[in-house]
Amino acid sequence: MLIYFTDAMSKKSIAINPEHVIAVLESPNNEEVPGNTVVNLITGTVALEEKLLNVVGMINGELHK
């Protein structure tokens, strides 16, 4: 199952497979990394608009179904 978030750079919807998430952390809030949350995936990193606790909750909820 894919989970939809908002990409911080493009402001467009992005779908992430929760099984490919390595780490979720707060964005350093600088010009290089926009958004509120950074998700490290197997294939790269994505900055998201959603808050850290919301992202973690959505990922955990999907993985524990």
PDB file of N, CA and C in Angstrom:
ATOM      1  N   MET A   1       0.847  -1.177   0.000  1.00  0.00           N
ATOM      2  CA  MET A   1       0.000   0.000   0.000  1.00  0.00           C
ATOM      3  C   MET A   1       0.893   1.241   0.000  1.00  0.00           C
ATOM      4  N   LEU A   2       0.524   2.222  -0.773  1.00  0.00           N
ATOM      5  CA  LEU A   2       1.247   3.487  -0.833  1.00  0.00           C
ATOM      6  C   LEU A   2       0.564   4.514   0.068  1.00  0.00           C
ATOM      7  N   ILE A   3       1.356   5.387   0.651  1.00  0.00           N
ATOM      8  CA  ILE A   3       0.839   6.468   1.492  1.00  0.00           C
ATOM      9  C   ILE A   3       1.147   7.779   0.784  1.00  0.00           C
ATOM     10  N   TYR A   4       0.158   8.666   0.716  1.00  0.00           N
ATOM     11  CA  TYR A   4       0.333   9.943   0.023  1.00  0.00           C
ATOM     12  C   TYR A   4       0.729  11.050   0.985  1.00  0.00           C
ATOM     13  N   PHE A   5       1.747  11.818   0.572  1.00  0.00           N
ATOM     14  CA  PHE A   5       2.237  12.969   1.313  1.00  0.00           C
ATOM     15  C   PHE A   5       2.382  14.130   0.331  1.00  0.00           C
ATOM     16  N   THR A   6       2.829  15.292   0.839  1.00  0.00           N
ATOM     17  CA  THR A   6       3.077  16.453  -0.004  1.00  0.00           C
ATOM     18  C   THR A   6       4.574  16.710  -0.083  1.00  0.00           C
ATOM     19  N   ASP A   7       5.115  16.659  -1.292  1.00  0.00           N
ATOM     20  CA  ASP A   7       6.535  16.934  -1.512  1.00  0.00           C
ATOM     21  C   ASP A   7       6.816  18.399  -1.192  1.00  0.00           C
ATOM     22  N   ALA A   8       7.822  18.652  -0.368  1.00  0.00           N
ATOM     23  CA  ALA A   8       8.114  20.014   0.074  1.00  0.00           C
ATOM     24  C   ALA A   8       8.653  20.898  -1.040  1.00  0.00           C
ATOM     25  N   MET A   9       9.317  20.330  -2.009  1.00  0.00           N
ATOM     26  CA  MET A   9       9.911  21.138  -3.070  1.00  0.00           C
ATOM     27  C   MET A   9       8.891  21.499  -4.151  1.00  0.00           C
ATOM     28  N   SER A  10       8.127  20.514  -4.599  1.00  0.00           N
ATOM     29  CA  SER A  10       7.191  20.757  -5.700  1.00  0.00           C
ATOM     30  C   SER A  10       5.783  21.116  -5.233  1.00  0.00           C
ATOM     31  N   LYS A  11       5.501  20.844  -3.968  1.00  0.00           N
ATOM     32  CA  LYS A  11       4.158  21.045  -3.381  1.00  0.00           C
ATOM     33  C   LYS A  11       3.119  20.124  -4.022  1.00  0.00           C
ATOM     34  N   LYS A  12       3.589  19.072  -4.684  1.00  0.00           N
ATOM     35  CA  LYS A  12       2.694  18.101  -5.316  1.00  0.00           C
ATOM     36  C   LYS A  12       2.634  16.835  -4.471  1.00  0.00           C
ATOM     37  N   SER A  13       1.628  16.039  -4.734  1.00  0.00           N
ATOM     38  CA  SER A  13       1.441  14.788  -4.013  1.00  0.00           C
ATOM     39  C   SER A  13       2.517  13.784  -4.395  1.00  0.00           C
ATOM     40  N   ILE A  14       2.975  13.032  -3.399  1.00  0.00           N
ATOM     41  CA  ILE A  14       3.957  11.981  -3.621  1.00  0.00           C
ATOM     42  C   ILE A  14       3.495  10.742  -2.864  1.00  0.00           C
ATOM     43  N   ALA A  15       3.594   9.589  -3.492  1.00  0.00           N
ATOM     44  CA  ALA A  15       3.206   8.325  -2.868  1.00  0.00           C
ATOM     45  C   ALA A  15       4.462   7.576  -2.439  1.00  0.00           C
ATOM     46  N   ILE A  16       4.479   7.121  -1.194  1.00  0.00           N
ATOM     47  CA  ILE A  16       5.635   6.426  -0.639  1.00  0.00           C
ATOM     48  C   ILE A  16       5.214   5.040  -0.167  1.00  0.00           C
ATOM     49  N   ASN A  17       6.020   4.052  -0.510  1.00  0.00           N
ATOM     50  CA  ASN A  17       5.806   2.702  -0.021  1.00  0.00           C
ATOM     51  C   ASN A  17       6.418   2.621   1.378  1.00  0.00           C
ATOM     52  N   PRO A  18       5.630   2.413   2.422  1.00  0.00           N
ATOM     53  CA  PRO A  18       6.159   2.423   3.785  1.00  0.00           C
ATOM     54  C   PRO A  18       7.177   1.314   4.064  1.00  0.00           C
ATOM     55  N   GLU A  19       7.173   0.267   3.258  1.00  0.00           N
ATOM     56  CA  GLU A  19       8.133  -0.818   3.447  1.00  0.00           C
ATOM     57  C   GLU A  19       9.538  -0.432   2.991  1.00  0.00           C
ATOM     58  N   HIS A  20       9.672   0.694   2.295  1.00  0.00           N
ATOM     59  CA  HIS A  20      10.979   1.141   1.805  1.00  0.00           C
ATOM     60  C   HIS A  20      11.563   2.286   2.628  1.00  0.00           C
ATOM     61  N   VAL A  21      10.918   2.635   3.746  1.00  0.00           N
ATOM     62  CA  VAL A  21      11.392   3.722   4.598  1.00  0.00           C
ATOM     63  C   VAL A  21      12.498   3.215   5.520  1.00  0.00           C
ATOM     64  N   ILE A  22      13.610   3.938   5.525  1.00  0.00           N
ATOM     65  CA  ILE A  22      14.749   3.611   6.381  1.00  0.00           C
ATOM     66  C   ILE A  22      14.717   4.457   7.653  1.00  0.00           C
ATOM     67  N   ALA A  23      14.452   5.764   7.513  1.00  0.00           N
ATOM     68  CA  ALA A  23      14.447   6.670   8.662  1.00  0.00           C
ATOM     69  C   ALA A  23      13.541   7.860   8.377  1.00  0.00           C
ATOM     70  N   VAL A  24      12.995   8.444   9.448  1.00  0.00           N
ATOM     71  CA  VAL A  24      12.169   9.650   9.362  1.00  0.00           C
ATOM     72  C   VAL A  24      12.720  10.628  10.391  1.00  0.00           C
ATOM     73  N   LEU A  25      13.017  11.848   9.959  1.00  0.00           N
ATOM     74  CA  LEU A  25      13.578  12.834  10.880  1.00  0.00           C
ATOM     75  C   LEU A  25      13.052  14.224  10.589  1.00  0.00           C
ATOM     76  N   GLU A  26      13.183  15.098  11.593  1.00  0.00           N
ATOM     77  CA  GLU A  26      12.761  16.486  11.404  1.00  0.00           C
ATOM     78  C   GLU A  26      13.695  17.179  10.438  1.00  0.00           C
ATOM     79  N   SER A  27      13.125  18.015   9.598  1.00  0.00           N
ATOM     80  CA  SER A  27      13.918  18.794   8.661  1.00  0.00           C
ATOM     81  C   SER A  27      14.734  19.831   9.429  1.00  0.00           C
ATOM     82  N   PRO A  28      15.955  20.107   8.983  1.00  0.00           N
ATOM     83  CA  PRO A  28      16.755  21.141   9.644  1.00  0.00           C
ATOM     84  C   PRO A  28      16.235  22.563   9.396  1.00  0.00           C
ATOM     85  N   ASN A  29      15.174  22.685   8.569  1.00  0.00           N
ATOM     86  CA  ASN A  29      14.549  23.978   8.270  1.00  0.00           C
ATOM     87  C   ASN A  29      15.531  25.012   7.742  1.00  0.00           C
ATOM     88  N   ASN A  30      16.201  24.639   6.660  1.00  0.00           N
ATOM     89  CA  ASN A  30      17.062  25.605   5.985  1.00  0.00           C
ATOM     90  C   ASN A  30      16.706  25.614   4.502  1.00  0.00           C
ATOM     91  N   GLU A  31      17.367  26.451   3.756  1.00  0.00           N
ATOM     92  CA  GLU A  31      17.037  26.592   2.334  1.00  0.00           C
ATOM     93  C   GLU A  31      17.350  25.333   1.526  1.00  0.00           C
ATOM     94  N   GLU A  32      18.349  24.555   1.955  1.00  0.00           N
ATOM     95  CA  GLU A  32      18.727  23.352   1.225  1.00  0.00           C
ATOM     96  C   GLU A  32      17.706  22.229   1.402  1.00  0.00           C
ATOM     97  N   VAL A  33      17.081  22.167   2.569  1.00  0.00           N
ATOM     98  CA  VAL A  33      16.102  21.114   2.855  1.00  0.00           C
ATOM     99  C   VAL A  33      14.802  21.769   3.308  1.00  0.00           C
ATOM    100  N   PRO A  34      13.887  21.993   2.385  1.00  0.00           N
ATOM    101  CA  PRO A  34      12.609  22.628   2.756  1.00  0.00           C
ATOM    102  C   PRO A  34      11.688  21.636   3.449  1.00  0.00           C
ATOM    103  N   GLY A  35      10.576  22.129   3.966  1.00  0.00           N
ATOM    104  CA  GLY A  35       9.575  21.248   4.554  1.00  0.00           C
ATOM    105  C   GLY A  35       9.760  21.024   6.037  1.00  0.00           C
ATOM    106  N   ASN A  36       8.998  20.088   6.567  1.00  0.00           N
ATOM    107  CA  ASN A  36       9.004  19.808   7.993  1.00  0.00           C
ATOM    108  C   ASN A  36       9.647  18.470   8.346  1.00  0.00           C
ATOM    109  N   THR A  37       9.607  17.522   7.413  1.00  0.00           N
ATOM    110  CA  THR A  37      10.065  16.163   7.697  1.00  0.00           C
ATOM    111  C   THR A  37      10.877  15.639   6.520  1.00  0.00           C
ATOM    112  N   VAL A  38      11.923  14.889   6.834  1.00  0.00           N
ATOM    113  CA  VAL A  38      12.745  14.247   5.819  1.00  0.00           C
ATOM    114  C   VAL A  38      12.584  12.743   5.977  1.00  0.00           C
ATOM    115  N   VAL A  39      12.323  12.055   4.866  1.00  0.00           N
ATOM    116  CA  VAL A  39      12.184  10.607   4.872  1.00  0.00           C
ATOM    117  C   VAL A  39      13.319  10.011   4.045  1.00  0.00           C
ATOM    118  N   ASN A  40      14.098   9.146   4.670  1.00  0.00           N
ATOM    119  CA  ASN A  40      15.149   8.425   3.952  1.00  0.00           C
ATOM    120  C   ASN A  40      14.559   7.111   3.479  1.00  0.00           C
ATOM    121  N   LEU A  41      14.651   6.898   2.174  1.00  0.00           N
ATOM    122  CA  LEU A  41      14.140   5.687   1.551  1.00  0.00           C
ATOM    123  C   LEU A  41      15.307   4.857   1.040  1.00  0.00           C
ATOM    124  N   ILE A  42      15.030   3.647   0.618  1.00  0.00           N
ATOM    125  CA  ILE A  42      16.072   2.783   0.066  1.00  0.00           C
ATOM    126  C   ILE A  42      16.753   3.465  -1.116  1.00  0.00           C
ATOM    127  N   THR A  43      15.992   4.215  -1.918  1.00  0.00           N
ATOM    128  CA  THR A  43      16.527   4.802  -3.146  1.00  0.00           C
ATOM    129  C   THR A  43      16.872   6.290  -3.056  1.00  0.00           C
ATOM    130  N   GLY A  44      16.666   6.914  -1.901  1.00  0.00           N
ATOM    131  CA  GLY A  44      16.980   8.333  -1.791  1.00  0.00           C
ATOM    132  C   GLY A  44      16.254   8.994  -0.639  1.00  0.00           C
ATOM    133  N   THR A  45      16.192  10.313  -0.673  1.00  0.00           N
ATOM    134  CA  THR A  45      15.613  11.102   0.405  1.00  0.00           C
ATOM    135  C   THR A  45      14.541  12.022  -0.146  1.00  0.00           C
ATOM    136  N   VAL A  46      13.471  12.203   0.635  1.00  0.00           N
ATOM    137  CA  VAL A  46      12.365  13.065   0.237  1.00  0.00           C
ATOM    138  C   VAL A  46      12.040  14.005   1.392  1.00  0.00           C
ATOM    139  N   ALA A  47      11.887  15.304   1.092  1.00  0.00           N
ATOM    140  CA  ALA A  47      11.443  16.283   2.082  1.00  0.00           C
ATOM    141  C   ALA A  47       9.936  16.430   1.941  1.00  0.00           C
ATOM    142  N   LEU A  48       9.225  16.379   3.070  1.00  0.00           N
ATOM    143  CA  LEU A  48       7.769  16.438   3.070  1.00  0.00           C
ATOM    144  C   LEU A  48       7.255  17.644   3.839  1.00  0.00           C
ATOM    145  N   GLU A  49       6.064  18.098   3.486  1.00  0.00           N
ATOM    146  CA  GLU A  49       5.409  19.205   4.178  1.00  0.00           C
ATOM    147  C   GLU A  49       4.809  18.768   5.522  1.00  0.00           C
ATOM    148  N   GLU A  50       4.390  17.521   5.625  1.00  0.00           N
ATOM    149  CA  GLU A  50       3.715  17.043   6.827  1.00  0.00           C
ATOM    150  C   GLU A  50       4.668  17.030   8.027  1.00  0.00           C
ATOM    151  N   LYS A  51       4.099  17.134   9.210  1.00  0.00           N
ATOM    152  CA  LYS A  51       4.872  17.116  10.451  1.00  0.00           C
ATOM    153  C   LYS A  51       5.364  15.703  10.758  1.00  0.00           C
ATOM    154  N   LEU A  52       6.474  15.622  11.474  1.00  0.00           N
ATOM    155  CA  LEU A  52       7.138  14.361  11.792  1.00  0.00           C
ATOM    156  C   LEU A  52       6.191  13.336  12.416  1.00  0.00           C
ATOM    157  N   LEU A  53       5.471  13.704  13.453  1.00  0.00           N
ATOM    158  CA  LEU A  53       4.597  12.748  14.139  1.00  0.00           C
ATOM    159  C   LEU A  53       3.487  12.235  13.229  1.00  0.00           C
ATOM    160  N   ASN A  54       2.984  13.071  12.345  1.00  0.00           N
ATOM    161  CA  ASN A  54       1.961  12.628  11.391  1.00  0.00           C
ATOM    162  C   ASN A  54       2.535  11.613  10.413  1.00  0.00           C
ATOM    163  N   VAL A  55       3.734  11.875   9.911  1.00  0.00           N
ATOM    164  CA  VAL A  55       4.373  10.964   8.958  1.00  0.00           C
ATOM    165  C   VAL A  55       4.647   9.620   9.624  1.00  0.00           C
ATOM    166  N   VAL A  56       5.232   9.648  10.812  1.00  0.00           N
ATOM    167  CA  VAL A  56       5.545   8.413  11.526  1.00  0.00           C
ATOM    168  C   VAL A  56       4.272   7.635  11.843  1.00  0.00           C
ATOM    169  N   GLY A  57       3.228   8.344  12.274  1.00  0.00           N
ATOM    170  CA  GLY A  57       1.961   7.691  12.586  1.00  0.00           C
ATOM    171  C   GLY A  57       1.352   7.016  11.373  1.00  0.00           C
ATOM    172  N   MET A  58       1.384   7.681  10.240  1.00  0.00           N
ATOM    173  CA  MET A  58       0.814   7.109   9.009  1.00  0.00           C
ATOM    174  C   MET A  58       1.621   5.885   8.557  1.00  0.00           C
ATOM    175  N   ILE A  59       2.926   5.965   8.643  1.00  0.00           N
ATOM    176  CA  ILE A  59       3.779   4.835   8.249  1.00  0.00           C
ATOM    177  C   ILE A  59       3.555   3.662   9.188  1.00  0.00           C
ATOM    178  N   ASN A  60       3.586   3.909  10.493  1.00  0.00           N
ATOM    179  CA  ASN A  60       3.362   2.832  11.463  1.00  0.00           C
ATOM    180  C   ASN A  60       1.983   2.211  11.304  1.00  0.00           C
ATOM    181  N   GLY A  61       0.983   3.047  11.084  1.00  0.00           N
ATOM    182  CA  GLY A  61      -0.371   2.537  10.913  1.00  0.00           C
ATOM    183  C   GLY A  61      -0.487   1.612   9.716  1.00  0.00           C
ATOM    184  N   GLU A  62       0.194   1.942   8.637  1.00  0.00           N
ATOM    185  CA  GLU A  62       0.137   1.118   7.436  1.00  0.00           C
ATOM    186  C   GLU A  62       0.928  -0.179   7.612  1.00  0.00           C
ATOM    187  N   LEU A  63       2.049  -0.117   8.312  1.00  0.00           N
ATOM    188  CA  LEU A  63       2.876  -1.299   8.475  1.00  0.00           C
ATOM    189  C   LEU A  63       2.285  -2.311   9.455  1.00  0.00           C
ATOM    190  N   HIS A  64       1.432  -1.838  10.365  1.00  0.00           N
ATOM    191  CA  HIS A  64       0.872  -2.720  11.390  1.00  0.00           C
ATOM    192  C   HIS A  64      -0.567  -3.115  11.130  1.00  0.00           C
ATOM    193  N   LYS A  65      -0.976  -3.106   9.876  1.00  0.00           N
ATOM    194  CA  LYS A  65      -2.341  -3.536   9.535  1.00  0.00           C
ATOM    195  C   LYS A  65      -2.427  -5.042   9.516  1.00  0.00           C
TER     196      LYS A  65
END
